[in-house]
Amino acid sequence: LTIEQRFQIEQFNRTLETTTDPEQLRQLARQLMKAWQTQKAA
């Protein structure tokens, strides 16, 4: 992973750790699923 990718992972991890709103967690999960499936397709 590049430094930028590792930084983005850390940012996402921190957001997940500090999020207590279930709707925000759902949105983050949707973003992750879309990114994962897009990467698989690519």
PDB file of all heavy atoms in Angstrom:
ATOM      1  N   LEU A   1       0.837  -1.189   0.000  1.00  0.00           N
ATOM      2  CA  LEU A   1       0.000   0.000   0.000  1.00  0.00           C
ATOM      3  C   LEU A   1       0.876   1.244   0.000  1.00  0.00           C
ATOM      4  O   LEU A   1       1.945   1.254   0.617  1.00  0.00           O
ATOM      5  CB  LEU A   1      -0.914   0.023   1.228  1.00  0.00           C
ATOM      6  CG  LEU A   1      -1.907  -1.127   1.355  1.00  0.00           C
ATOM      7  CD1 LEU A   1      -2.643  -1.035   2.684  1.00  0.00           C
ATOM      8  CD2 LEU A   1      -2.890  -1.128   0.201  1.00  0.00           C
ATOM      9  N   THR A   2       0.399   2.267  -0.685  1.00  0.00           N
ATOM     10  CA  THR A   2       1.123   3.536  -0.663  1.00  0.00           C
ATOM     11  C   THR A   2       0.900   4.224   0.674  1.00  0.00           C
ATOM     12  O   THR A   2      -0.007   3.848   1.441  1.00  0.00           O
ATOM     13  CB  THR A   2       0.632   4.471  -1.787  1.00  0.00           C
ATOM     14  OG1 THR A   2      -0.738   4.831  -1.517  1.00  0.00           O
ATOM     15  CG2 THR A   2       0.756   3.823  -3.152  1.00  0.00           C
ATOM     16  N   ILE A   3       1.691   5.228   0.947  1.00  0.00           N
ATOM     17  CA  ILE A   3       1.513   6.004   2.177  1.00  0.00           C
ATOM     18  C   ILE A   3       0.127   6.623   2.190  1.00  0.00           C
ATOM     19  O   ILE A   3      -0.550   6.630   3.224  1.00  0.00           O
ATOM     20  CB  ILE A   3       2.612   7.082   2.307  1.00  0.00           C
ATOM     21  CG1 ILE A   3       3.959   6.398   2.556  1.00  0.00           C
ATOM     22  CG2 ILE A   3       2.291   8.066   3.413  1.00  0.00           C
ATOM     23  CD1 ILE A   3       5.151   7.335   2.525  1.00  0.00           C
ATOM     24  N   GLU A   4      -0.318   7.127   1.039  1.00  0.00           N
ATOM     25  CA  GLU A   4      -1.654   7.731   0.950  1.00  0.00           C
ATOM     26  C   GLU A   4      -2.741   6.707   1.273  1.00  0.00           C
ATOM     27  O   GLU A   4      -3.690   7.006   2.008  1.00  0.00           O
ATOM     28  CB  GLU A   4      -1.890   8.303  -0.445  1.00  0.00           C
ATOM     29  CG  GLU A   4      -3.263   8.929  -0.600  1.00  0.00           C
ATOM     30  CD  GLU A   4      -3.531   9.463  -1.999  1.00  0.00           C
ATOM     31  OE1 GLU A   4      -2.650   9.406  -2.864  1.00  0.00           O
ATOM     32  OE2 GLU A   4      -4.664   9.930  -2.222  1.00  0.00           O
ATOM     33  N   GLN A   5      -2.598   5.497   0.769  1.00  0.00           N
ATOM     34  CA  GLN A   5      -3.589   4.453   1.045  1.00  0.00           C
ATOM     35  C   GLN A   5      -3.602   4.084   2.524  1.00  0.00           C
ATOM     36  O   GLN A   5      -4.676   3.913   3.114  1.00  0.00           O
ATOM     37  CB  GLN A   5      -3.304   3.223   0.191  1.00  0.00           C
ATOM     38  CG  GLN A   5      -3.597   3.443  -1.276  1.00  0.00           C
ATOM     39  CD  GLN A   5      -3.029   2.360  -2.158  1.00  0.00           C
ATOM     40  OE1 GLN A   5      -1.964   1.801  -1.877  1.00  0.00           O
ATOM     41  NE2 GLN A   5      -3.726   2.052  -3.238  1.00  0.00           N
ATOM     42  N   ARG A   6      -2.428   3.960   3.106  1.00  0.00           N
ATOM     43  CA  ARG A   6      -2.362   3.657   4.546  1.00  0.00           C
ATOM     44  C   ARG A   6      -2.983   4.781   5.369  1.00  0.00           C
ATOM     45  O   ARG A   6      -3.676   4.534   6.363  1.00  0.00           O
ATOM     46  CB  ARG A   6      -0.926   3.400   4.969  1.00  0.00           C
ATOM     47  CG  ARG A   6      -0.381   2.094   4.389  1.00  0.00           C
ATOM     48  CD  ARG A   6       0.936   1.684   5.000  1.00  0.00           C
ATOM     49  NE  ARG A   6       1.947   2.719   4.938  1.00  0.00           N
ATOM     50  CZ  ARG A   6       3.063   2.663   4.242  1.00  0.00           C
ATOM     51  NH1 ARG A   6       3.335   1.595   3.534  1.00  0.00           N
ATOM     52  NH2 ARG A   6       3.919   3.643   4.250  1.00  0.00           N
ATOM     53  N   PHE A   7      -2.764   6.023   4.950  1.00  0.00           N
ATOM     54  CA  PHE A   7      -3.351   7.174   5.632  1.00  0.00           C
ATOM     55  C   PHE A   7      -4.878   7.125   5.531  1.00  0.00           C
ATOM     56  O   PHE A   7      -5.579   7.351   6.530  1.00  0.00           O
ATOM     57  CB  PHE A   7      -2.806   8.474   5.022  1.00  0.00           C
ATOM     58  CG  PHE A   7      -3.364   9.716   5.647  1.00  0.00           C
ATOM     59  CD1 PHE A   7      -2.938  10.134   6.902  1.00  0.00           C
ATOM     60  CD2 PHE A   7      -4.310  10.480   4.981  1.00  0.00           C
ATOM     61  CE1 PHE A   7      -3.449  11.277   7.485  1.00  0.00           C
ATOM     62  CE2 PHE A   7      -4.834  11.629   5.559  1.00  0.00           C
ATOM     63  CZ  PHE A   7      -4.402  12.031   6.814  1.00  0.00           C
ATOM     64  N   GLN A   8      -5.400   6.816   4.347  1.00  0.00           N
ATOM     65  CA  GLN A   8      -6.844   6.744   4.171  1.00  0.00           C
ATOM     66  C   GLN A   8      -7.453   5.626   5.016  1.00  0.00           C
ATOM     67  O   GLN A   8      -8.535   5.797   5.590  1.00  0.00           O
ATOM     68  CB  GLN A   8      -7.188   6.539   2.694  1.00  0.00           C
ATOM     69  CG  GLN A   8      -6.935   7.776   1.862  1.00  0.00           C
ATOM     70  CD  GLN A   8      -7.137   7.542   0.379  1.00  0.00           C
ATOM     71  OE1 GLN A   8      -7.086   6.412  -0.103  1.00  0.00           O
ATOM     72  NE2 GLN A   8      -7.355   8.618  -0.357  1.00  0.00           N
ATOM     73  N   ILE A   9      -6.768   4.508   5.113  1.00  0.00           N
ATOM     74  CA  ILE A   9      -7.240   3.421   5.965  1.00  0.00           C
ATOM     75  C   ILE A   9      -7.301   3.873   7.416  1.00  0.00           C
ATOM     76  O   ILE A   9      -8.279   3.621   8.127  1.00  0.00           O
ATOM     77  CB  ILE A   9      -6.341   2.172   5.815  1.00  0.00           C
ATOM     78  CG1 ILE A   9      -6.553   1.550   4.440  1.00  0.00           C
ATOM     79  CG2 ILE A   9      -6.611   1.154   6.927  1.00  0.00           C
ATOM     80  CD1 ILE A   9      -5.543   0.473   4.088  1.00  0.00           C
ATOM     81  N   GLU A  10      -6.265   4.561   7.861  1.00  0.00           N
ATOM     82  CA  GLU A  10      -6.243   5.052   9.240  1.00  0.00           C
ATOM     83  C   GLU A  10      -7.368   6.048   9.487  1.00  0.00           C
ATOM     84  O   GLU A  10      -8.030   5.999  10.530  1.00  0.00           O
ATOM     85  CB  GLU A  10      -4.892   5.688   9.557  1.00  0.00           C
ATOM     86  CG  GLU A  10      -4.752   6.171  10.989  1.00  0.00           C
ATOM     87  CD  GLU A  10      -4.928   5.073  12.036  1.00  0.00           C
ATOM     88  OE1 GLU A  10      -4.649   3.894  11.741  1.00  0.00           O
ATOM     89  OE2 GLU A  10      -5.359   5.404  13.164  1.00  0.00           O
ATOM     90  N   GLN A  11      -7.611   6.931   8.529  1.00  0.00           N
ATOM     91  CA  GLN A  11      -8.715   7.895   8.673  1.00  0.00           C
ATOM     92  C   GLN A  11     -10.049   7.158   8.801  1.00  0.00           C
ATOM     93  O   GLN A  11     -10.864   7.500   9.662  1.00  0.00           O
ATOM     94  CB  GLN A  11      -8.786   8.821   7.458  1.00  0.00           C
ATOM     95  CG  GLN A  11      -7.837   9.978   7.501  1.00  0.00           C
ATOM     96  CD  GLN A  11      -8.091  10.918   6.324  1.00  0.00           C
ATOM     97  OE1 GLN A  11      -8.149  10.491   5.175  1.00  0.00           O
ATOM     98  NE2 GLN A  11      -8.228  12.190   6.621  1.00  0.00           N
ATOM     99  N   PHE A  12     -10.271   6.172   7.948  1.00  0.00           N
ATOM    100  CA  PHE A  12     -11.510   5.413   7.987  1.00  0.00           C
ATOM    101  C   PHE A  12     -11.646   4.671   9.311  1.00  0.00           C
ATOM    102  O   PHE A  12     -12.714   4.644   9.919  1.00  0.00           O
ATOM    103  CB  PHE A  12     -11.561   4.423   6.820  1.00  0.00           C
ATOM    104  CG  PHE A  12     -12.895   4.369   6.143  1.00  0.00           C
ATOM    105  CD1 PHE A  12     -13.063   4.924   4.881  1.00  0.00           C
ATOM    106  CD2 PHE A  12     -13.977   3.774   6.754  1.00  0.00           C
ATOM    107  CE1 PHE A  12     -14.293   4.874   4.256  1.00  0.00           C
ATOM    108  CE2 PHE A  12     -15.214   3.728   6.132  1.00  0.00           C
ATOM    109  CZ  PHE A  12     -15.375   4.266   4.877  1.00  0.00           C
ATOM    110  N   ASN A  13     -10.559   4.053   9.768  1.00  0.00           N
ATOM    111  CA  ASN A  13     -10.594   3.350  11.052  1.00  0.00           C
ATOM    112  C   ASN A  13     -10.952   4.279  12.197  1.00  0.00           C
ATOM    113  O   ASN A  13     -11.755   3.934  13.070  1.00  0.00           O
ATOM    114  CB  ASN A  13      -9.247   2.683  11.332  1.00  0.00           C
ATOM    115  CG  ASN A  13      -9.050   1.423  10.525  1.00  0.00           C
ATOM    116  OD1 ASN A  13     -10.001   0.790  10.109  1.00  0.00           O
ATOM    117  ND2 ASN A  13      -7.797   1.074  10.296  1.00  0.00           N
ATOM    118  N   ARG A  14     -10.378   5.464  12.210  1.00  0.00           N
ATOM    119  CA  ARG A  14     -10.682   6.428  13.273  1.00  0.00           C
ATOM    120  C   ARG A  14     -12.134   6.870  13.218  1.00  0.00           C
ATOM    121  O   ARG A  14     -12.780   7.029  14.252  1.00  0.00           O
ATOM    122  CB  ARG A  14      -9.748   7.625  13.188  1.00  0.00           C
ATOM    123  CG  ARG A  14      -8.336   7.278  13.592  1.00  0.00           C
ATOM    124  CD  ARG A  14      -7.416   8.469  13.523  1.00  0.00           C
ATOM    125  NE  ARG A  14      -6.056   8.054  13.796  1.00  0.00           N
ATOM    126  CZ  ARG A  14      -5.093   8.878  14.167  1.00  0.00           C
ATOM    127  NH1 ARG A  14      -5.328  10.170  14.287  1.00  0.00           N
ATOM    128  NH2 ARG A  14      -3.879   8.425  14.400  1.00  0.00           N
ATOM    129  N   THR A  15     -12.638   7.072  12.010  1.00  0.00           N
ATOM    130  CA  THR A  15     -14.044   7.457  11.865  1.00  0.00           C
ATOM    131  C   THR A  15     -14.949   6.354  12.391  1.00  0.00           C
ATOM    132  O   THR A  15     -15.901   6.616  13.133  1.00  0.00           O
ATOM    133  CB  THR A  15     -14.386   7.752  10.389  1.00  0.00           C
ATOM    134  OG1 THR A  15     -13.574   8.834   9.933  1.00  0.00           O
ATOM    135  CG2 THR A  15     -15.844   8.124  10.217  1.00  0.00           C
ATOM    136  N   LEU A  16     -14.640   5.118  12.033  1.00  0.00           N
ATOM    137  CA  LEU A  16     -15.448   3.994  12.512  1.00  0.00           C
ATOM    138  C   LEU A  16     -15.396   3.876  14.039  1.00  0.00           C
ATOM    139  O   LEU A  16     -16.407   3.591  14.677  1.00  0.00           O
ATOM    140  CB  LEU A  16     -14.964   2.689  11.877  1.00  0.00           C
ATOM    141  CG  LEU A  16     -15.342   2.492  10.415  1.00  0.00           C
ATOM    142  CD1 LEU A  16     -14.600   1.295   9.836  1.00  0.00           C
ATOM    143  CD2 LEU A  16     -16.829   2.339  10.240  1.00  0.00           C
ATOM    144  N   GLU A  17     -14.219   4.078  14.606  1.00  0.00           N
ATOM    145  CA  GLU A  17     -14.066   3.948  16.063  1.00  0.00           C
ATOM    146  C   GLU A  17     -14.838   5.023  16.834  1.00  0.00           C
ATOM    147  O   GLU A  17     -15.277   4.781  17.952  1.00  0.00           O
ATOM    148  CB  GLU A  17     -12.589   4.002  16.441  1.00  0.00           C
ATOM    149  CG  GLU A  17     -11.804   2.783  16.036  1.00  0.00           C
ATOM    150  CD  GLU A  17     -12.283   1.509  16.738  1.00  0.00           C
ATOM    151  OE1 GLU A  17     -12.654   1.564  17.923  1.00  0.00           O
ATOM    152  OE2 GLU A  17     -12.280   0.467  16.068  1.00  0.00           O
ATOM    153  N   THR A  18     -14.990   6.188  16.250  1.00  0.00           N
ATOM    154  CA  THR A  18     -15.622   7.296  16.975  1.00  0.00           C
ATOM    155  C   THR A  18     -17.094   7.495  16.622  1.00  0.00           C
ATOM    156  O   THR A  18     -17.764   8.312  17.238  1.00  0.00           O
ATOM    157  CB  THR A  18     -14.872   8.619  16.716  1.00  0.00           C
ATOM    158  OG1 THR A  18     -14.897   8.905  15.314  1.00  0.00           O
ATOM    159  CG2 THR A  18     -13.436   8.534  17.213  1.00  0.00           C
ATOM    160  N   THR A  19     -17.612   6.725  15.654  1.00  0.00           N
ATOM    161  CA  THR A  19     -18.998   6.890  15.226  1.00  0.00           C
ATOM    162  C   THR A  19     -19.936   6.095  16.114  1.00  0.00           C
ATOM    163  O   THR A  19     -19.759   4.903  16.310  1.00  0.00           O
ATOM    164  CB  THR A  19     -19.162   6.429  13.761  1.00  0.00           C
ATOM    165  OG1 THR A  19     -18.294   7.207  12.953  1.00  0.00           O
ATOM    166  CG2 THR A  19     -20.580   6.613  13.285  1.00  0.00           C
ATOM    167  N   THR A  20     -20.921   6.788  16.658  1.00  0.00           N
ATOM    168  CA  THR A  20     -21.923   6.117  17.484  1.00  0.00           C
ATOM    169  C   THR A  20     -23.302   6.139  16.839  1.00  0.00           C
ATOM    170  O   THR A  20     -24.206   5.460  17.299  1.00  0.00           O
ATOM    171  CB  THR A  20     -22.020   6.785  18.869  1.00  0.00           C
ATOM    172  OG1 THR A  20     -22.338   8.169  18.700  1.00  0.00           O
ATOM    173  CG2 THR A  20     -20.713   6.650  19.640  1.00  0.00           C
ATOM    174  N   ASP A  21     -23.453   6.898  15.770  1.00  0.00           N
ATOM    175  CA  ASP A  21     -24.731   7.017  15.074  1.00  0.00           C
ATOM    176  C   ASP A  21     -24.918   5.827  14.128  1.00  0.00           C
ATOM    177  O   ASP A  21     -24.136   5.650  13.189  1.00  0.00           O
ATOM    178  CB  ASP A  21     -24.753   8.331  14.290  1.00  0.00           C
ATOM    179  CG  ASP A  21     -26.027   8.537  13.486  1.00  0.00           C
ATOM    180  OD1 ASP A  21     -27.041   7.864  13.787  1.00  0.00           O
ATOM    181  OD2 ASP A  21     -26.006   9.378  12.566  1.00  0.00           O
ATOM    182  N   PRO A  22     -25.945   5.004  14.358  1.00  0.00           N
ATOM    183  CA  PRO A  22     -26.158   3.827  13.504  1.00  0.00           C
ATOM    184  C   PRO A  22     -26.336   4.185  12.023  1.00  0.00           C
ATOM    185  O   PRO A  22     -25.858   3.452  11.154  1.00  0.00           O
ATOM    186  CB  PRO A  22     -27.440   3.188  14.056  1.00  0.00           C
ATOM    187  CG  PRO A  22     -27.534   3.693  15.453  1.00  0.00           C
ATOM    188  CD  PRO A  22     -26.907   5.056  15.449  1.00  0.00           C
ATOM    189  N   GLU A  23     -26.995   5.281  11.712  1.00  0.00           N
ATOM    190  CA  GLU A  23     -27.189   5.662  10.312  1.00  0.00           C
ATOM    191  C   GLU A  23     -25.860   6.013   9.656  1.00  0.00           C
ATOM    192  O   GLU A  23     -25.609   5.649   8.510  1.00  0.00           O
ATOM    193  CB  GLU A  23     -28.166   6.826  10.186  1.00  0.00           C
ATOM    194  CG  GLU A  23     -28.479   7.199   8.753  1.00  0.00           C
ATOM    195  CD  GLU A  23     -28.986   6.047   7.890  1.00  0.00           C
ATOM    196  OE1 GLU A  23     -29.705   5.167   8.393  1.00  0.00           O
ATOM    197  OE2 GLU A  23     -28.623   6.014   6.688  1.00  0.00           O
ATOM    198  N   GLN A  24     -24.998   6.692  10.373  1.00  0.00           N
ATOM    199  CA  GLN A  24     -23.687   7.024   9.826  1.00  0.00           C
ATOM    200  C   GLN A  24     -22.874   5.746   9.594  1.00  0.00           C
ATOM    201  O   GLN A  24     -22.172   5.613   8.588  1.00  0.00           O
ATOM    202  CB  GLN A  24     -22.928   7.978  10.732  1.00  0.00           C
ATOM    203  CG  GLN A  24     -21.638   8.486  10.105  1.00  0.00           C
ATOM    204  CD  GLN A  24     -20.912   9.506  10.974  1.00  0.00           C
ATOM    205  OE1 GLN A  24     -21.257   9.702  12.128  1.00  0.00           O
ATOM    206  NE2 GLN A  24     -19.909  10.133  10.416  1.00  0.00           N
ATOM    207  N   LEU A  25     -22.968   4.796  10.504  1.00  0.00           N
ATOM    208  CA  LEU A  25     -22.278   3.513  10.327  1.00  0.00           C
ATOM    209  C   LEU A  25     -22.803   2.777   9.103  1.00  0.00           C
ATOM    210  O   LEU A  25     -22.033   2.184   8.349  1.00  0.00           O
ATOM    211  CB  LEU A  25     -22.428   2.645  11.572  1.00  0.00           C
ATOM    212  CG  LEU A  25     -21.623   3.085  12.790  1.00  0.00           C
ATOM    213  CD1 LEU A  25     -22.008   2.269  14.015  1.00  0.00           C
ATOM    214  CD2 LEU A  25     -20.141   2.982  12.517  1.00  0.00           C
ATOM    215  N   ARG A  26     -24.119   2.824   8.873  1.00  0.00           N
ATOM    216  CA  ARG A  26     -24.692   2.206   7.684  1.00  0.00           C
ATOM    217  C   ARG A  26     -24.147   2.859   6.410  1.00  0.00           C
ATOM    218  O   ARG A  26     -23.826   2.177   5.437  1.00  0.00           O
ATOM    219  CB  ARG A  26     -26.213   2.298   7.699  1.00  0.00           C
ATOM    220  CG  ARG A  26     -26.890   1.282   8.617  1.00  0.00           C
ATOM    221  CD  ARG A  26     -28.339   1.106   8.318  1.00  0.00           C
ATOM    222  NE  ARG A  26     -29.398   1.631   9.115  1.00  0.00           N
ATOM    223  CZ  ARG A  26     -29.449   1.925  10.405  1.00  0.00           C
ATOM    224  NH1 ARG A  26     -28.397   1.817  11.139  1.00  0.00           N
ATOM    225  NH2 ARG A  26     -30.524   2.332  10.991  1.00  0.00           N
ATOM    226  N   GLN A  27     -24.081   4.179   6.419  1.00  0.00           N
ATOM    227  CA  GLN A  27     -23.552   4.894   5.251  1.00  0.00           C
ATOM    228  C   GLN A  27     -22.095   4.509   4.992  1.00  0.00           C
ATOM    229  O   GLN A  27     -21.694   4.296   3.847  1.00  0.00           O
ATOM    230  CB  GLN A  27     -23.689   6.400   5.441  1.00  0.00           C
ATOM    231  CG  GLN A  27     -25.119   6.890   5.363  1.00  0.00           C
ATOM    232  CD  GLN A  27     -25.249   8.376   5.676  1.00  0.00           C
ATOM    233  OE1 GLN A  27     -24.288   9.039   6.024  1.00  0.00           O
ATOM    234  NE2 GLN A  27     -26.464   8.890   5.559  1.00  0.00           N
ATOM    235  N   LEU A  28     -21.302   4.426   6.058  1.00  0.00           N
ATOM    236  CA  LEU A  28     -19.905   4.022   5.906  1.00  0.00           C
ATOM    237  C   LEU A  28     -19.805   2.601   5.357  1.00  0.00           C
ATOM    238  O   LEU A  28     -18.978   2.318   4.481  1.00  0.00           O
ATOM    239  CB  LEU A  28     -19.172   4.131   7.243  1.00  0.00           C
ATOM    240  CG  LEU A  28     -18.907   5.546   7.751  1.00  0.00           C
ATOM    241  CD1 LEU A  28     -18.435   5.517   9.201  1.00  0.00           C
ATOM    242  CD2 LEU A  28     -17.892   6.243   6.871  1.00  0.00           C
ATOM    243  N   ALA A  29     -20.661   1.717   5.854  1.00  0.00           N
ATOM    244  CA  ALA A  29     -20.663   0.336   5.371  1.00  0.00           C
ATOM    245  C   ALA A  29     -21.020   0.289   3.883  1.00  0.00           C
ATOM    246  O   ALA A  29     -20.404  -0.463   3.116  1.00  0.00           O
ATOM    247  CB  ALA A  29     -21.635  -0.509   6.183  1.00  0.00           C
ATOM    248  N   ARG A  30     -21.977   1.096   3.468  1.00  0.00           N
ATOM    249  CA  ARG A  30     -22.351   1.148   2.050  1.00  0.00           C
ATOM    250  C   ARG A  30     -21.186   1.652   1.198  1.00  0.00           C
ATOM    251  O   ARG A  30     -20.927   1.127   0.107  1.00  0.00           O
ATOM    252  CB  ARG A  30     -23.565   2.046   1.856  1.00  0.00           C
ATOM    253  CG  ARG A  30     -24.853   1.441   2.360  1.00  0.00           C
ATOM    254  CD  ARG A  30     -26.044   2.367   2.078  1.00  0.00           C
ATOM    255  NE  ARG A  30     -27.181   1.964   2.857  1.00  0.00           N
ATOM    256  CZ  ARG A  30     -27.704   2.669   3.865  1.00  0.00           C
ATOM    257  NH1 ARG A  30     -27.226   3.838   4.186  1.00  0.00           N
ATOM    258  NH2 ARG A  30     -28.743   2.193   4.522  1.00  0.00           N
ATOM    259  N   GLN A  31     -20.494   2.669   1.682  1.00  0.00           N
ATOM    260  CA  GLN A  31     -19.336   3.199   0.958  1.00  0.00           C
ATOM    261  C   GLN A  31     -18.252   2.139   0.812  1.00  0.00           C
ATOM    262  O   GLN A  31     -17.657   1.980  -0.260  1.00  0.00           O
ATOM    263  CB  GLN A  31     -18.754   4.425   1.672  1.00  0.00           C
ATOM    264  CG  GLN A  31     -19.609   5.658   1.571  1.00  0.00           C
ATOM    265  CD  GLN A  31     -19.045   6.801   2.415  1.00  0.00           C
ATOM    266  OE1 GLN A  31     -18.140   6.613   3.215  1.00  0.00           O
ATOM    267  NE2 GLN A  31     -19.605   7.980   2.245  1.00  0.00           N
ATOM    268  N   LEU A  32     -17.992   1.421   1.892  1.00  0.00           N
ATOM    269  CA  LEU A  32     -16.983   0.356   1.849  1.00  0.00           C
ATOM    270  C   LEU A  32     -17.374  -0.740   0.869  1.00  0.00           C
ATOM    271  O   LEU A  32     -16.540  -1.229   0.102  1.00  0.00           O
ATOM    272  CB  LEU A  32     -16.787  -0.243   3.242  1.00  0.00           C
ATOM    273  CG  LEU A  32     -15.971   0.585   4.221  1.00  0.00           C
ATOM    274  CD1 LEU A  32     -16.051  -0.024   5.617  1.00  0.00           C
ATOM    275  CD2 LEU A  32     -14.535   0.665   3.767  1.00  0.00           C
ATOM    276  N   MET A  33     -18.641  -1.143   0.898  1.00  0.00           N
ATOM    277  CA  MET A  33     -19.105  -2.195  -0.006  1.00  0.00           C
ATOM    278  C   MET A  33     -18.977  -1.743  -1.451  1.00  0.00           C
ATOM    279  O   MET A  33     -18.513  -2.515  -2.315  1.00  0.00           O
ATOM    280  CB  MET A  33     -20.558  -2.571   0.307  1.00  0.00           C
ATOM    281  CG  MET A  33     -21.095  -3.690  -0.559  1.00  0.00           C
ATOM    282  SD  MET A  33     -20.193  -5.250  -0.414  1.00  0.00           S
ATOM    283  CE  MET A  33     -20.621  -5.708   1.242  1.00  0.00           C
ATOM    284  N   LYS A  34     -19.352  -0.515  -1.749  1.00  0.00           N
ATOM    285  CA  LYS A  34     -19.258  -0.015  -3.119  1.00  0.00           C
ATOM    286  C   LYS A  34     -17.795   0.042  -3.569  1.00  0.00           C
ATOM    287  O   LYS A  34     -17.456  -0.376  -4.676  1.00  0.00           O
ATOM    288  CB  LYS A  34     -19.889   1.366  -3.228  1.00  0.00           C
ATOM    289  CG  LYS A  34     -19.906   1.890  -4.641  1.00  0.00           C
ATOM    290  CD  LYS A  34     -20.624   3.222  -4.744  1.00  0.00           C
ATOM    291  CE  LYS A  34     -20.615   3.702  -6.188  1.00  0.00           C
ATOM    292  NZ  LYS A  34     -21.293   4.981  -6.346  1.00  0.00           N
ATOM    293  N   ALA A  35     -16.921   0.532  -2.700  1.00  0.00           N
ATOM    294  CA  ALA A  35     -15.498   0.619  -3.040  1.00  0.00           C
ATOM    295  C   ALA A  35     -14.908  -0.772  -3.265  1.00  0.00           C
ATOM    296  O   ALA A  35     -14.141  -0.990  -4.211  1.00  0.00           O
ATOM    297  CB  ALA A  35     -14.734   1.349  -1.935  1.00  0.00           C
ATOM    298  N   TRP A  36     -15.272  -1.715  -2.422  1.00  0.00           N
ATOM    299  CA  TRP A  36     -14.767  -3.078  -2.543  1.00  0.00           C
ATOM    300  C   TRP A  36     -15.221  -3.706  -3.863  1.00  0.00           C
ATOM    301  O   TRP A  36     -14.417  -4.290  -4.599  1.00  0.00           O
ATOM    302  CB  TRP A  36     -15.246  -3.902  -1.351  1.00  0.00           C
ATOM    303  CG  TRP A  36     -14.866  -5.346  -1.381  1.00  0.00           C
ATOM    304  CD1 TRP A  36     -13.695  -5.896  -1.818  1.00  0.00           C
ATOM    305  CD2 TRP A  36     -15.671  -6.442  -0.956  1.00  0.00           C
ATOM    306  NE1 TRP A  36     -13.726  -7.263  -1.677  1.00  0.00           N
ATOM    307  CE2 TRP A  36     -14.924  -7.623  -1.151  1.00  0.00           C
ATOM    308  CE3 TRP A  36     -16.944  -6.531  -0.409  1.00  0.00           C
ATOM    309  CZ2 TRP A  36     -15.426  -8.880  -0.831  1.00  0.00           C
ATOM    310  CZ3 TRP A  36     -17.431  -7.785  -0.084  1.00  0.00           C
ATOM    311  CH2 TRP A  36     -16.675  -8.937  -0.294  1.00  0.00           C
ATOM    312  N   GLN A  37     -16.500  -3.584  -4.182  1.00  0.00           N
ATOM    313  CA  GLN A  37     -17.018  -4.183  -5.398  1.00  0.00           C
ATOM    314  C   GLN A  37     -16.466  -3.488  -6.646  1.00  0.00           C
ATOM    315  O   GLN A  37     -16.199  -4.143  -7.665  1.00  0.00           O
ATOM    316  CB  GLN A  37     -18.551  -4.168  -5.398  1.00  0.00           C
ATOM    317  CG  GLN A  37     -19.169  -5.055  -4.341  1.00  0.00           C
ATOM    318  CD  GLN A  37     -18.746  -6.503  -4.456  1.00  0.00           C
ATOM    319  OE1 GLN A  37     -18.632  -7.061  -5.550  1.00  0.00           O
ATOM    320  NE2 GLN A  37     -18.502  -7.157  -3.320  1.00  0.00           N
ATOM    321  N   THR A  38     -16.261  -2.184  -6.577  1.00  0.00           N
ATOM    322  CA  THR A  38     -15.663  -1.456  -7.690  1.00  0.00           C
ATOM    323  C   THR A  38     -14.237  -1.932  -7.922  1.00  0.00           C
ATOM    324  O   THR A  38     -13.808  -2.141  -9.072  1.00  0.00           O
ATOM    325  CB  THR A  38     -15.689   0.066  -7.419  1.00  0.00           C
ATOM    326  OG1 THR A  38     -17.051   0.477  -7.255  1.00  0.00           O
ATOM    327  CG2 THR A  38     -15.065   0.853  -8.545  1.00  0.00           C
ATOM    328  N   GLN A  39     -13.497  -2.133  -6.847  1.00  0.00           N
ATOM    329  CA  GLN A  39     -12.123  -2.629  -6.960  1.00  0.00           C
ATOM    330  C   GLN A  39     -12.096  -4.034  -7.547  1.00  0.00           C
ATOM    331  O   GLN A  39     -11.260  -4.355  -8.395  1.00  0.00           O
ATOM    332  CB  GLN A  39     -11.432  -2.615  -5.600  1.00  0.00           C
ATOM    333  CG  GLN A  39      -9.998  -3.103  -5.644  1.00  0.00           C
ATOM    334  CD  GLN A  39      -9.124  -2.237  -6.527  1.00  0.00           C
ATOM    335  OE1 GLN A  39      -9.147  -1.018  -6.394  1.00  0.00           O
ATOM    336  NE2 GLN A  39      -8.383  -2.830  -7.435  1.00  0.00           N
ATOM    337  N   LYS A  40     -13.012  -4.883  -7.112  1.00  0.00           N
ATOM    338  CA  LYS A  40     -13.082  -6.238  -7.661  1.00  0.00           C
ATOM    339  C   LYS A  40     -13.376  -6.203  -9.161  1.00  0.00           C
ATOM    340  O   LYS A  40     -12.779  -6.946  -9.931  1.00  0.00           O
ATOM    341  CB  LYS A  40     -14.153  -7.046  -6.930  1.00  0.00           C
ATOM    342  CG  LYS A  40     -13.721  -7.526  -5.557  1.00  0.00           C
ATOM    343  CD  LYS A  40     -14.821  -8.256  -4.821  1.00  0.00           C
ATOM    344  CE  LYS A  40     -15.364  -9.433  -5.548  1.00  0.00           C
ATOM    345  NZ  LYS A  40     -16.397 -10.178  -4.802  1.00  0.00           N
ATOM    346  N   ALA A  41     -14.294  -5.337  -9.573  1.00  0.00           N
ATOM    347  CA  ALA A  41     -14.641  -5.222 -10.993  1.00  0.00           C
ATOM    348  C   ALA A  41     -13.444  -4.718 -11.794  1.00  0.00           C
ATOM    349  O   ALA A  41     -13.163  -5.218 -12.888  1.00  0.00           O
ATOM    350  CB  ALA A  41     -15.839  -4.291 -11.168  1.00  0.00           C
ATOM    351  N   ALA A  42     -12.733  -3.740 -11.253  1.00  0.00           N
ATOM    352  CA  ALA A  42     -11.569  -3.197 -11.950  1.00  0.00           C
ATOM    353  C   ALA A  42     -10.474  -4.252 -12.071  1.00  0.00           C
ATOM    354  O   ALA A  42      -9.858  -4.402 -13.135  1.00  0.00           O
ATOM    355  CB  ALA A  42     -11.039  -1.965 -11.209  1.00  0.00           C
TER     356      ALA A  42
END
